[in-house]
Amino acid sequence: MTFFEYALIGYFVGILTTAPVGPVNVMAIQHAVHSGFRQGVYVGLGAVVADTIFAAVAIFGVSAVTNFIDNRAGMIEVVGGALLFVFGLKIWNTHPHLHRNGDDAKHGFWGEATAAFFMAITNPGAIFAFLTIFGSLGDLRPAHGDHVGALVMVSGVAGGAVSWWMFVSFVVSHYKARIDDKWLDRVNHIAGSVLILFGGLIFLDLAFDLVG
C-alpha cells in the first residue's frame, strides 16, 4: 500500500463517519441556514478535531494489536460486519429534526468550534465506529510499526471530514429553502445504506474465503 492509498482510504472513512446526521450535523446545518456558509464550517471544524482524535486512537490502537487481530481475523470480521449492520440500521432509522425558528447568534470560530468539539468528543459511539471500520480493513490498514502510514491515514480522515463539512455548509447555505427533515432523512438513508453495504461486503469476502 502506498501513502496515497492510505490517504484515500482515510478520506472516504472520514466522509463515511461524518455524513450520518446526528446532533453536530444538525447544529452545523442550522447555523448554515441562519448565518451562512462560514458559521456551518466553524461548527464542522470543531467536530473534525474530535473525529481526528478518535481516528488516531483507533488506527494506532488497531495497529498495536495487529498480531492479535490477524490471529483472529475471521472472528474480528464477523463482529465488525455485524456492528456495521447495526450502525447502518441505527443511522437509517434516525430521524433528525431541523429547527428553523431559532435565531443563531454568531459566536465566531472558537465559540462554534468548541461547542461542536465537546458535542462530538462525548459521543461514545464514534470511537466504536472508527474501531470497527479500521479493524475490518485487514491488509488495507497500515502494518504494525508503520507510524507514518497511520498518520497519513488519520490525515486522510481529517481531510474527508473537512470536505464533508464544507460541502454540507455550501449546499445548505445556497439551497436552504429546500432543506427540511426529509432531506436529512435521505442523507441518513444513504449513509446507513453504505455502512450496511460495507458490512455485507465483509461477509461476502468471508464467504469467498470459506469456499476457496
N, C-alpha and C. Protein backbone atom coordinates (compact mmCIF):
# COMPACT_ATOMS: atom_id res chain seq x y z
N MET A 1 0.84 -1.21 0.00
CA MET A 1 0.00 0.00 0.00
C MET A 1 0.88 1.25 0.00
N THR A 2 0.50 2.22 -0.80
CA THR A 2 1.23 3.49 -0.86
C THR A 2 0.58 4.50 0.09
N PHE A 3 1.33 5.59 0.36
CA PHE A 3 0.79 6.63 1.21
C PHE A 3 -0.47 7.25 0.59
N PHE A 4 -0.47 7.38 -0.73
CA PHE A 4 -1.65 7.93 -1.41
C PHE A 4 -2.87 7.04 -1.15
N GLU A 5 -2.68 5.73 -1.21
CA GLU A 5 -3.79 4.81 -0.98
C GLU A 5 -4.27 4.89 0.46
N TYR A 6 -3.33 5.00 1.40
CA TYR A 6 -3.73 5.17 2.81
C TYR A 6 -4.53 6.46 2.99
N ALA A 7 -4.06 7.53 2.36
CA ALA A 7 -4.77 8.82 2.48
C ALA A 7 -6.16 8.72 1.86
N LEU A 8 -6.26 8.04 0.71
CA LEU A 8 -7.55 7.92 0.03
C LEU A 8 -8.53 7.10 0.86
N ILE A 9 -8.05 6.00 1.44
CA ILE A 9 -8.92 5.18 2.30
C ILE A 9 -9.37 6.00 3.50
N GLY A 10 -8.43 6.72 4.12
CA GLY A 10 -8.77 7.56 5.25
C GLY A 10 -9.77 8.64 4.87
N TYR A 11 -9.61 9.19 3.68
CA TYR A 11 -10.52 10.24 3.19
C TYR A 11 -11.96 9.73 3.14
N PHE A 12 -12.15 8.55 2.57
CA PHE A 12 -13.50 8.00 2.47
C PHE A 12 -14.04 7.57 3.83
N VAL A 13 -13.16 7.09 4.71
CA VAL A 13 -13.60 6.78 6.08
C VAL A 13 -14.05 8.05 6.78
N GLY A 14 -13.33 9.14 6.56
CA GLY A 14 -13.71 10.43 7.16
C GLY A 14 -15.08 10.88 6.71
N ILE A 15 -15.36 10.73 5.42
CA ILE A 15 -16.69 11.10 4.92
C ILE A 15 -17.75 10.17 5.48
N LEU A 16 -17.46 8.86 5.47
CA LEU A 16 -18.43 7.87 5.91
C LEU A 16 -18.81 8.05 7.38
N THR A 17 -17.85 8.40 8.23
CA THR A 17 -18.13 8.55 9.65
C THR A 17 -18.71 9.92 9.98
N THR A 18 -18.57 10.89 9.08
CA THR A 18 -19.07 12.24 9.34
C THR A 18 -20.46 12.47 8.76
N ALA A 19 -20.77 11.77 7.66
CA ALA A 19 -22.01 12.02 6.93
C ALA A 19 -23.30 11.75 7.71
N PRO A 20 -23.38 10.67 8.53
CA PRO A 20 -24.65 10.44 9.25
C PRO A 20 -25.09 11.67 10.03
N VAL A 21 -26.35 12.03 9.89
CA VAL A 21 -26.86 13.26 10.50
C VAL A 21 -27.20 13.02 11.96
N GLY A 22 -26.35 13.52 12.83
CA GLY A 22 -26.59 13.49 14.27
C GLY A 22 -26.64 14.90 14.81
N PRO A 23 -26.45 15.07 16.11
CA PRO A 23 -26.56 16.41 16.72
C PRO A 23 -25.62 17.45 16.12
N VAL A 24 -24.36 17.06 15.82
CA VAL A 24 -23.41 18.04 15.28
C VAL A 24 -23.80 18.44 13.87
N ASN A 25 -24.21 17.47 13.05
CA ASN A 25 -24.65 17.81 11.70
C ASN A 25 -25.85 18.75 11.73
N VAL A 26 -26.80 18.47 12.61
CA VAL A 26 -27.97 19.34 12.72
C VAL A 26 -27.55 20.74 13.16
N MET A 27 -26.63 20.79 14.11
CA MET A 27 -26.13 22.09 14.60
C MET A 27 -25.46 22.86 13.45
N ALA A 28 -24.62 22.18 12.65
CA ALA A 28 -23.94 22.84 11.54
C ALA A 28 -24.94 23.30 10.48
N ILE A 29 -25.92 22.46 10.19
CA ILE A 29 -26.92 22.81 9.18
C ILE A 29 -27.74 24.00 9.63
N GLN A 30 -28.14 24.02 10.90
CA GLN A 30 -28.94 25.14 11.40
C GLN A 30 -28.14 26.44 11.34
N HIS A 31 -26.84 26.38 11.68
CA HIS A 31 -26.02 27.59 11.61
C HIS A 31 -25.83 28.04 10.17
N ALA A 32 -25.66 27.07 9.26
CA ALA A 32 -25.51 27.44 7.85
C ALA A 32 -26.80 28.03 7.29
N VAL A 33 -27.95 27.51 7.74
CA VAL A 33 -29.24 28.03 7.30
C VAL A 33 -29.43 29.47 7.77
N HIS A 34 -29.15 29.72 9.05
CA HIS A 34 -29.44 31.02 9.64
C HIS A 34 -28.33 32.05 9.43
N SER A 35 -27.06 31.56 9.40
CA SER A 35 -25.94 32.51 9.42
C SER A 35 -24.97 32.37 8.27
N GLY A 36 -25.17 31.38 7.40
CA GLY A 36 -24.33 31.27 6.22
C GLY A 36 -23.25 30.20 6.28
N PHE A 37 -22.54 30.09 5.18
CA PHE A 37 -21.54 29.05 4.95
C PHE A 37 -20.49 28.99 6.05
N ARG A 38 -19.91 30.13 6.39
CA ARG A 38 -18.79 30.16 7.32
C ARG A 38 -19.16 29.63 8.70
N GLN A 39 -20.34 29.97 9.19
CA GLN A 39 -20.74 29.51 10.52
C GLN A 39 -20.93 27.99 10.53
N GLY A 40 -21.45 27.44 9.42
CA GLY A 40 -21.58 25.99 9.33
C GLY A 40 -20.23 25.30 9.36
N VAL A 41 -19.24 25.87 8.66
CA VAL A 41 -17.90 25.30 8.64
C VAL A 41 -17.25 25.39 10.02
N TYR A 42 -17.48 26.51 10.73
CA TYR A 42 -16.93 26.65 12.07
C TYR A 42 -17.37 25.49 12.96
N VAL A 43 -18.65 25.17 12.91
CA VAL A 43 -19.17 24.05 13.70
C VAL A 43 -18.48 22.76 13.27
N GLY A 44 -18.39 22.55 11.95
CA GLY A 44 -17.79 21.32 11.46
C GLY A 44 -16.35 21.13 11.86
N LEU A 45 -15.58 22.20 11.88
CA LEU A 45 -14.16 22.08 12.21
C LEU A 45 -13.95 21.63 13.66
N GLY A 46 -14.83 22.04 14.54
CA GLY A 46 -14.74 21.55 15.92
C GLY A 46 -14.93 20.05 15.98
N ALA A 47 -15.89 19.56 15.19
CA ALA A 47 -16.14 18.12 15.15
C ALA A 47 -14.98 17.38 14.49
N VAL A 48 -14.32 18.02 13.52
CA VAL A 48 -13.18 17.39 12.85
C VAL A 48 -12.06 17.09 13.85
N VAL A 49 -11.82 18.01 14.78
CA VAL A 49 -10.78 17.78 15.79
C VAL A 49 -11.11 16.54 16.61
N ALA A 50 -12.36 16.43 17.03
CA ALA A 50 -12.78 15.27 17.82
C ALA A 50 -12.65 13.98 17.00
N ASP A 51 -13.10 14.01 15.74
CA ASP A 51 -13.03 12.83 14.90
C ASP A 51 -11.59 12.43 14.60
N THR A 52 -10.70 13.42 14.46
CA THR A 52 -9.29 13.12 14.22
C THR A 52 -8.68 12.43 15.43
N ILE A 53 -9.05 12.87 16.62
CA ILE A 53 -8.57 12.22 17.85
C ILE A 53 -9.07 10.78 17.89
N PHE A 54 -10.37 10.58 17.62
CA PHE A 54 -10.92 9.23 17.61
C PHE A 54 -10.23 8.36 16.57
N ALA A 55 -10.00 8.92 15.38
CA ALA A 55 -9.36 8.15 14.31
C ALA A 55 -7.93 7.75 14.70
N ALA A 56 -7.19 8.68 15.33
CA ALA A 56 -5.83 8.39 15.74
C ALA A 56 -5.81 7.29 16.81
N VAL A 57 -6.69 7.40 17.79
CA VAL A 57 -6.77 6.37 18.83
C VAL A 57 -7.11 5.02 18.21
N ALA A 58 -8.05 5.02 17.28
CA ALA A 58 -8.49 3.76 16.66
C ALA A 58 -7.39 3.15 15.80
N ILE A 59 -6.79 3.93 14.90
CA ILE A 59 -5.82 3.37 13.96
C ILE A 59 -4.55 2.93 14.67
N PHE A 60 -4.06 3.73 15.63
CA PHE A 60 -2.86 3.32 16.36
C PHE A 60 -3.17 2.18 17.32
N GLY A 61 -4.39 2.17 17.89
CA GLY A 61 -4.78 1.07 18.75
C GLY A 61 -4.90 -0.23 17.99
N VAL A 62 -5.52 -0.18 16.81
CA VAL A 62 -5.66 -1.37 15.98
C VAL A 62 -4.30 -1.85 15.51
N SER A 63 -3.42 -0.91 15.13
CA SER A 63 -2.08 -1.30 14.67
C SER A 63 -1.28 -1.96 15.78
N ALA A 64 -1.48 -1.52 17.01
CA ALA A 64 -0.73 -2.06 18.14
C ALA A 64 -1.11 -3.50 18.44
N VAL A 65 -2.29 -3.90 18.07
CA VAL A 65 -2.74 -5.28 18.34
C VAL A 65 -2.94 -6.04 17.03
N THR A 66 -2.08 -5.71 16.04
CA THR A 66 -2.21 -6.33 14.72
C THR A 66 -2.11 -7.85 14.80
N ASN A 67 -1.15 -8.36 15.56
CA ASN A 67 -0.97 -9.81 15.66
C ASN A 67 -2.21 -10.48 16.24
N PHE A 68 -2.77 -9.85 17.29
CA PHE A 68 -4.00 -10.38 17.88
C PHE A 68 -5.12 -10.42 16.87
N ILE A 69 -5.26 -9.32 16.10
CA ILE A 69 -6.33 -9.23 15.11
C ILE A 69 -6.11 -10.24 13.99
N ASP A 70 -4.84 -10.35 13.52
CA ASP A 70 -4.55 -11.27 12.42
C ASP A 70 -4.82 -12.71 12.82
N ASN A 71 -4.54 -13.06 14.07
CA ASN A 71 -4.76 -14.43 14.53
C ASN A 71 -6.23 -14.75 14.71
N ARG A 72 -7.05 -13.72 14.79
CA ARG A 72 -8.50 -13.92 14.96
C ARG A 72 -9.26 -13.15 13.88
N ALA A 73 -8.69 -13.13 12.68
CA ALA A 73 -9.23 -12.31 11.60
C ALA A 73 -10.68 -12.64 11.29
N GLY A 74 -11.00 -13.93 11.23
CA GLY A 74 -12.36 -14.32 10.90
C GLY A 74 -13.37 -13.81 11.91
N MET A 75 -13.06 -14.00 13.20
CA MET A 75 -13.95 -13.56 14.26
C MET A 75 -14.09 -12.04 14.25
N ILE A 76 -12.97 -11.34 14.07
CA ILE A 76 -12.99 -9.87 14.05
C ILE A 76 -13.86 -9.37 12.90
N GLU A 77 -13.73 -10.00 11.73
CA GLU A 77 -14.50 -9.56 10.58
C GLU A 77 -15.99 -9.84 10.76
N VAL A 78 -16.32 -10.99 11.38
CA VAL A 78 -17.73 -11.30 11.64
C VAL A 78 -18.33 -10.26 12.58
N VAL A 79 -17.62 -9.98 13.69
CA VAL A 79 -18.11 -8.98 14.65
C VAL A 79 -18.17 -7.60 14.00
N GLY A 80 -17.11 -7.25 13.24
CA GLY A 80 -17.08 -5.94 12.59
C GLY A 80 -18.21 -5.79 11.58
N GLY A 81 -18.45 -6.83 10.78
CA GLY A 81 -19.54 -6.77 9.80
C GLY A 81 -20.89 -6.63 10.47
N ALA A 82 -21.08 -7.37 11.57
CA ALA A 82 -22.34 -7.29 12.30
C ALA A 82 -22.55 -5.90 12.90
N LEU A 83 -21.48 -5.33 13.45
CA LEU A 83 -21.58 -3.99 14.03
C LEU A 83 -21.88 -2.93 12.97
N LEU A 84 -21.30 -3.10 11.80
CA LEU A 84 -21.59 -2.16 10.71
C LEU A 84 -23.05 -2.24 10.30
N PHE A 85 -23.59 -3.48 10.28
CA PHE A 85 -25.02 -3.63 10.01
C PHE A 85 -25.84 -2.89 11.06
N VAL A 86 -25.47 -3.06 12.33
CA VAL A 86 -26.21 -2.43 13.42
C VAL A 86 -26.12 -0.91 13.31
N PHE A 87 -24.89 -0.38 13.10
CA PHE A 87 -24.71 1.06 12.95
C PHE A 87 -25.53 1.57 11.77
N GLY A 88 -25.47 0.84 10.66
CA GLY A 88 -26.20 1.26 9.47
C GLY A 88 -27.69 1.33 9.69
N LEU A 89 -28.24 0.29 10.34
CA LEU A 89 -29.68 0.27 10.62
C LEU A 89 -30.07 1.38 11.58
N LYS A 90 -29.20 1.62 12.59
CA LYS A 90 -29.49 2.68 13.56
C LYS A 90 -29.52 4.04 12.88
N ILE A 91 -28.54 4.29 12.00
CA ILE A 91 -28.49 5.56 11.29
C ILE A 91 -29.69 5.70 10.35
N TRP A 92 -30.05 4.59 9.67
CA TRP A 92 -31.21 4.60 8.75
C TRP A 92 -32.48 5.02 9.50
N ASN A 93 -32.62 4.52 10.72
CA ASN A 93 -33.84 4.76 11.49
C ASN A 93 -33.79 6.02 12.35
N THR A 94 -32.69 6.78 12.25
CA THR A 94 -32.59 8.04 12.99
C THR A 94 -33.25 9.14 12.19
N HIS A 95 -34.13 9.91 12.85
CA HIS A 95 -34.87 10.96 12.15
C HIS A 95 -34.58 12.32 12.81
N PRO A 96 -33.50 12.98 12.38
CA PRO A 96 -33.15 14.28 12.97
C PRO A 96 -34.16 15.35 12.60
N HIS A 97 -34.24 16.36 13.45
CA HIS A 97 -35.21 17.44 13.22
C HIS A 97 -34.48 18.77 13.13
N LEU A 98 -34.81 19.52 12.09
CA LEU A 98 -34.18 20.82 11.85
C LEU A 98 -35.10 21.93 12.34
N HIS A 99 -34.61 22.73 13.30
CA HIS A 99 -35.39 23.88 13.80
C HIS A 99 -35.07 25.10 12.96
N ARG A 100 -36.10 25.75 12.47
CA ARG A 100 -35.90 26.93 11.63
C ARG A 100 -36.30 28.23 12.32
N ASN A 101 -36.94 28.11 13.48
CA ASN A 101 -37.46 29.32 14.10
C ASN A 101 -36.51 29.92 15.13
N GLY A 102 -35.29 29.34 15.22
CA GLY A 102 -34.32 29.87 16.17
C GLY A 102 -33.56 31.04 15.57
N ASP A 103 -32.85 31.77 16.40
CA ASP A 103 -32.03 32.90 15.94
C ASP A 103 -30.61 32.66 16.42
N ASP A 104 -29.81 31.99 15.57
CA ASP A 104 -28.45 31.63 15.96
C ASP A 104 -27.57 32.87 16.02
N ALA A 105 -26.96 33.06 17.14
CA ALA A 105 -26.02 34.17 17.27
C ALA A 105 -24.68 33.75 16.66
N LYS A 106 -23.96 34.72 16.10
CA LYS A 106 -22.65 34.44 15.55
C LYS A 106 -21.62 34.58 16.65
N HIS A 107 -21.16 33.43 17.13
CA HIS A 107 -20.22 33.45 18.25
C HIS A 107 -18.78 33.45 17.78
N GLY A 108 -18.54 33.37 16.47
CA GLY A 108 -17.17 33.31 15.98
C GLY A 108 -16.63 31.90 15.97
N PHE A 109 -15.41 31.79 15.44
CA PHE A 109 -14.83 30.46 15.26
C PHE A 109 -14.72 29.67 16.55
N TRP A 110 -14.10 30.25 17.57
CA TRP A 110 -13.81 29.49 18.79
C TRP A 110 -15.08 29.05 19.50
N GLY A 111 -16.07 29.91 19.54
CA GLY A 111 -17.30 29.53 20.22
C GLY A 111 -18.01 28.38 19.53
N GLU A 112 -18.16 28.47 18.20
CA GLU A 112 -18.86 27.43 17.46
C GLU A 112 -18.06 26.14 17.46
N ALA A 113 -16.76 26.24 17.19
CA ALA A 113 -15.93 25.05 17.10
C ALA A 113 -15.83 24.33 18.44
N THR A 114 -15.70 25.09 19.53
CA THR A 114 -15.59 24.46 20.86
C THR A 114 -16.87 23.73 21.22
N ALA A 115 -18.01 24.34 20.95
CA ALA A 115 -19.29 23.68 21.26
C ALA A 115 -19.42 22.38 20.48
N ALA A 116 -19.06 22.41 19.20
CA ALA A 116 -19.16 21.21 18.38
C ALA A 116 -18.16 20.15 18.83
N PHE A 117 -16.95 20.58 19.21
CA PHE A 117 -15.94 19.63 19.67
C PHE A 117 -16.43 18.84 20.88
N PHE A 118 -16.95 19.53 21.88
CA PHE A 118 -17.41 18.84 23.08
C PHE A 118 -18.64 17.98 22.81
N MET A 119 -19.46 18.41 21.86
CA MET A 119 -20.62 17.60 21.49
C MET A 119 -20.17 16.30 20.82
N ALA A 120 -19.12 16.41 19.99
CA ALA A 120 -18.63 15.23 19.26
C ALA A 120 -17.78 14.33 20.13
N ILE A 121 -16.93 14.90 20.98
CA ILE A 121 -15.99 14.10 21.76
C ILE A 121 -16.70 13.30 22.85
N THR A 122 -17.91 13.72 23.21
CA THR A 122 -18.66 12.99 24.24
C THR A 122 -19.61 11.95 23.64
N ASN A 123 -19.45 11.69 22.35
CA ASN A 123 -20.27 10.67 21.69
C ASN A 123 -19.51 9.34 21.69
N PRO A 124 -19.86 8.41 22.58
CA PRO A 124 -19.09 7.16 22.69
C PRO A 124 -19.23 6.27 21.46
N GLY A 125 -20.30 6.44 20.69
CA GLY A 125 -20.47 5.61 19.51
C GLY A 125 -19.44 5.88 18.43
N ALA A 126 -18.87 7.09 18.43
CA ALA A 126 -17.92 7.46 17.37
C ALA A 126 -16.66 6.61 17.43
N ILE A 127 -16.10 6.43 18.62
CA ILE A 127 -14.86 5.65 18.73
C ILE A 127 -15.10 4.20 18.35
N PHE A 128 -16.27 3.66 18.69
CA PHE A 128 -16.58 2.29 18.30
C PHE A 128 -16.73 2.17 16.79
N ALA A 129 -17.28 3.20 16.16
CA ALA A 129 -17.42 3.19 14.70
C ALA A 129 -16.04 3.16 14.04
N PHE A 130 -15.12 4.00 14.52
CA PHE A 130 -13.77 4.02 13.96
C PHE A 130 -13.05 2.69 14.21
N LEU A 131 -13.16 2.16 15.41
CA LEU A 131 -12.52 0.89 15.72
C LEU A 131 -13.05 -0.23 14.83
N THR A 132 -14.36 -0.22 14.62
CA THR A 132 -14.98 -1.25 13.78
C THR A 132 -14.49 -1.16 12.35
N ILE A 133 -14.49 0.05 11.80
CA ILE A 133 -14.09 0.22 10.41
C ILE A 133 -12.61 -0.09 10.22
N PHE A 134 -11.75 0.47 11.06
CA PHE A 134 -10.32 0.22 10.91
C PHE A 134 -9.97 -1.24 11.20
N GLY A 135 -10.67 -1.84 12.17
CA GLY A 135 -10.42 -3.24 12.47
C GLY A 135 -10.82 -4.17 11.35
N SER A 136 -11.76 -3.72 10.51
CA SER A 136 -12.26 -4.54 9.41
C SER A 136 -11.50 -4.33 8.11
N LEU A 137 -10.54 -3.39 8.09
CA LEU A 137 -9.84 -3.08 6.85
C LEU A 137 -8.83 -4.15 6.44
N GLY A 138 -8.38 -4.95 7.41
CA GLY A 138 -7.42 -6.01 7.08
C GLY A 138 -6.13 -5.46 6.51
N ASP A 139 -5.73 -5.96 5.34
CA ASP A 139 -4.47 -5.54 4.71
C ASP A 139 -4.51 -4.11 4.21
N LEU A 140 -5.69 -3.48 4.23
CA LEU A 140 -5.80 -2.11 3.74
C LEU A 140 -5.37 -1.09 4.78
N ARG A 141 -5.14 -1.53 6.01
CA ARG A 141 -4.69 -0.60 7.04
C ARG A 141 -3.16 -0.72 7.19
N PRO A 142 -2.50 0.31 7.75
CA PRO A 142 -1.05 0.27 7.93
C PRO A 142 -0.64 -0.87 8.86
N ALA A 143 0.51 -1.46 8.56
CA ALA A 143 1.03 -2.55 9.39
C ALA A 143 1.52 -2.02 10.72
N HIS A 144 1.66 -2.92 11.68
CA HIS A 144 2.16 -2.54 13.00
C HIS A 144 3.55 -1.91 12.86
N GLY A 145 3.74 -0.75 13.45
CA GLY A 145 5.02 -0.06 13.37
C GLY A 145 5.11 0.95 12.25
N ASP A 146 4.15 0.93 11.33
CA ASP A 146 4.14 1.89 10.23
C ASP A 146 3.44 3.16 10.70
N HIS A 147 4.15 3.93 11.52
CA HIS A 147 3.54 5.12 12.12
C HIS A 147 3.27 6.20 11.08
N VAL A 148 4.14 6.30 10.07
CA VAL A 148 3.93 7.31 9.02
C VAL A 148 2.66 6.97 8.24
N GLY A 149 2.49 5.70 7.88
CA GLY A 149 1.28 5.28 7.17
C GLY A 149 0.03 5.55 7.99
N ALA A 150 0.12 5.29 9.31
CA ALA A 150 -1.03 5.53 10.18
C ALA A 150 -1.36 7.02 10.23
N LEU A 151 -0.32 7.86 10.33
CA LEU A 151 -0.55 9.31 10.36
C LEU A 151 -1.15 9.80 9.05
N VAL A 152 -0.70 9.22 7.93
CA VAL A 152 -1.26 9.59 6.63
C VAL A 152 -2.73 9.23 6.56
N MET A 153 -3.09 8.04 7.07
CA MET A 153 -4.49 7.63 7.05
C MET A 153 -5.33 8.52 7.96
N VAL A 154 -4.80 8.88 9.13
CA VAL A 154 -5.51 9.79 10.03
C VAL A 154 -5.69 11.15 9.36
N SER A 155 -4.66 11.62 8.67
CA SER A 155 -4.77 12.89 7.95
C SER A 155 -5.84 12.81 6.87
N GLY A 156 -5.92 11.63 6.21
CA GLY A 156 -6.97 11.43 5.22
C GLY A 156 -8.35 11.52 5.83
N VAL A 157 -8.51 10.95 7.03
CA VAL A 157 -9.79 11.03 7.73
C VAL A 157 -10.15 12.49 7.99
N ALA A 158 -9.18 13.26 8.48
CA ALA A 158 -9.43 14.69 8.75
C ALA A 158 -9.80 15.42 7.46
N GLY A 159 -9.10 15.09 6.37
CA GLY A 159 -9.40 15.73 5.09
C GLY A 159 -10.79 15.39 4.60
N GLY A 160 -11.19 14.14 4.74
CA GLY A 160 -12.53 13.74 4.34
C GLY A 160 -13.60 14.44 5.16
N ALA A 161 -13.36 14.54 6.47
CA ALA A 161 -14.33 15.20 7.34
C ALA A 161 -14.46 16.68 7.00
N VAL A 162 -13.32 17.36 6.77
CA VAL A 162 -13.36 18.78 6.41
C VAL A 162 -14.12 18.96 5.10
N SER A 163 -13.85 18.09 4.13
CA SER A 163 -14.54 18.18 2.83
C SER A 163 -16.04 18.04 3.00
N TRP A 164 -16.45 17.11 3.87
CA TRP A 164 -17.88 16.91 4.09
C TRP A 164 -18.53 18.17 4.67
N TRP A 165 -17.88 18.75 5.71
CA TRP A 165 -18.47 19.93 6.35
C TRP A 165 -18.55 21.10 5.40
N MET A 166 -17.53 21.26 4.56
CA MET A 166 -17.56 22.35 3.59
C MET A 166 -18.65 22.12 2.55
N PHE A 167 -18.79 20.88 2.11
CA PHE A 167 -19.83 20.54 1.13
C PHE A 167 -21.22 20.80 1.71
N VAL A 168 -21.47 20.30 2.93
CA VAL A 168 -22.77 20.47 3.56
C VAL A 168 -23.08 21.94 3.79
N SER A 169 -22.11 22.69 4.30
CA SER A 169 -22.34 24.11 4.58
C SER A 169 -22.61 24.88 3.29
N PHE A 170 -21.91 24.53 2.22
CA PHE A 170 -22.14 25.19 0.94
C PHE A 170 -23.54 24.90 0.40
N VAL A 171 -23.90 23.60 0.39
CA VAL A 171 -25.21 23.20 -0.13
C VAL A 171 -26.33 23.84 0.68
N VAL A 172 -26.21 23.76 2.00
CA VAL A 172 -27.28 24.28 2.87
C VAL A 172 -27.40 25.79 2.75
N SER A 173 -26.28 26.50 2.73
CA SER A 173 -26.34 27.97 2.67
C SER A 173 -26.88 28.46 1.33
N HIS A 174 -26.71 27.68 0.27
CA HIS A 174 -27.17 28.10 -1.05
C HIS A 174 -28.56 27.57 -1.41
N TYR A 175 -28.94 26.47 -0.78
CA TYR A 175 -30.25 25.86 -1.11
C TYR A 175 -31.07 25.65 0.16
N LYS A 176 -30.96 26.58 1.11
CA LYS A 176 -31.58 26.39 2.42
C LYS A 176 -33.10 26.28 2.36
N ALA A 177 -33.71 26.86 1.33
CA ALA A 177 -35.17 26.78 1.22
C ALA A 177 -35.63 25.35 0.99
N ARG A 178 -34.74 24.52 0.44
CA ARG A 178 -35.11 23.14 0.12
C ARG A 178 -34.71 22.15 1.21
N ILE A 179 -33.98 22.62 2.22
CA ILE A 179 -33.51 21.73 3.28
C ILE A 179 -34.59 21.56 4.32
N ASP A 180 -35.01 20.31 4.53
CA ASP A 180 -36.01 20.03 5.54
C ASP A 180 -35.70 18.67 6.18
N ASP A 181 -36.59 18.21 7.05
CA ASP A 181 -36.35 16.94 7.74
C ASP A 181 -36.28 15.76 6.78
N LYS A 182 -37.04 15.82 5.68
CA LYS A 182 -36.99 14.74 4.70
C LYS A 182 -35.61 14.67 4.05
N TRP A 183 -35.00 15.83 3.81
CA TRP A 183 -33.66 15.87 3.24
C TRP A 183 -32.66 15.23 4.20
N LEU A 184 -32.80 15.54 5.50
CA LEU A 184 -31.92 14.93 6.49
C LEU A 184 -32.11 13.42 6.53
N ASP A 185 -33.36 12.97 6.44
CA ASP A 185 -33.63 11.54 6.42
C ASP A 185 -32.95 10.87 5.22
N ARG A 186 -32.99 11.52 4.07
CA ARG A 186 -32.37 10.94 2.88
C ARG A 186 -30.85 10.79 3.06
N VAL A 187 -30.23 11.79 3.68
CA VAL A 187 -28.80 11.70 3.95
C VAL A 187 -28.50 10.51 4.84
N ASN A 188 -29.31 10.33 5.90
CA ASN A 188 -29.10 9.21 6.80
C ASN A 188 -29.37 7.87 6.12
N HIS A 189 -30.35 7.85 5.22
CA HIS A 189 -30.63 6.60 4.49
C HIS A 189 -29.44 6.22 3.60
N ILE A 190 -28.84 7.21 2.97
CA ILE A 190 -27.67 6.93 2.13
C ILE A 190 -26.50 6.46 2.98
N ALA A 191 -26.21 7.19 4.07
CA ALA A 191 -25.10 6.82 4.94
C ALA A 191 -25.33 5.45 5.57
N GLY A 192 -26.55 5.20 6.04
CA GLY A 192 -26.86 3.89 6.62
C GLY A 192 -26.71 2.78 5.59
N SER A 193 -27.15 3.03 4.36
CA SER A 193 -27.04 2.03 3.30
C SER A 193 -25.58 1.70 3.00
N VAL A 194 -24.72 2.72 3.00
CA VAL A 194 -23.29 2.49 2.73
C VAL A 194 -22.68 1.62 3.82
N LEU A 195 -23.02 1.91 5.08
CA LEU A 195 -22.50 1.10 6.18
C LEU A 195 -23.00 -0.34 6.09
N ILE A 196 -24.28 -0.52 5.79
CA ILE A 196 -24.83 -1.87 5.64
C ILE A 196 -24.15 -2.59 4.48
N LEU A 197 -23.93 -1.87 3.37
CA LEU A 197 -23.25 -2.45 2.21
C LEU A 197 -21.83 -2.86 2.58
N PHE A 198 -21.13 -2.02 3.32
CA PHE A 198 -19.78 -2.32 3.77
C PHE A 198 -19.77 -3.59 4.61
N GLY A 199 -20.74 -3.70 5.54
CA GLY A 199 -20.85 -4.91 6.35
C GLY A 199 -21.14 -6.13 5.49
N GLY A 200 -22.01 -5.97 4.49
CA GLY A 200 -22.32 -7.08 3.59
C GLY A 200 -21.11 -7.53 2.80
N LEU A 201 -20.28 -6.59 2.35
CA LEU A 201 -19.07 -6.94 1.61
C LEU A 201 -18.09 -7.73 2.47
N ILE A 202 -18.04 -7.38 3.77
CA ILE A 202 -17.17 -8.13 4.67
C ILE A 202 -17.62 -9.58 4.76
N PHE A 203 -18.94 -9.79 4.93
CA PHE A 203 -19.46 -11.15 5.00
C PHE A 203 -19.28 -11.88 3.67
N LEU A 204 -19.41 -11.16 2.56
CA LEU A 204 -19.22 -11.77 1.24
C LEU A 204 -17.76 -12.21 1.08
N ASP A 205 -16.83 -11.38 1.54
CA ASP A 205 -15.42 -11.74 1.47
C ASP A 205 -15.14 -12.98 2.32
N LEU A 206 -15.76 -13.05 3.50
CA LEU A 206 -15.58 -14.23 4.34
C LEU A 206 -16.14 -15.49 3.67
N ALA A 207 -17.29 -15.33 3.00
CA ALA A 207 -17.89 -16.46 2.32
C ALA A 207 -16.99 -16.99 1.20
N PHE A 208 -16.38 -16.07 0.45
CA PHE A 208 -15.47 -16.48 -0.63
C PHE A 208 -14.24 -17.19 -0.05
N ASP A 209 -13.76 -16.71 1.11
CA ASP A 209 -12.61 -17.34 1.75
C ASP A 209 -12.95 -18.77 2.18
N LEU A 210 -14.16 -18.97 2.68
CA LEU A 210 -14.57 -20.31 3.12
C LEU A 210 -14.72 -21.26 1.92
N VAL A 211 -15.28 -20.72 0.85
CA VAL A 211 -15.46 -21.55 -0.36
C VAL A 211 -14.11 -21.88 -0.97
N GLY A 212 -13.23 -20.86 -0.99
CA GLY A 212 -11.90 -21.06 -1.56
C GLY A 212 -11.05 -21.97 -0.71
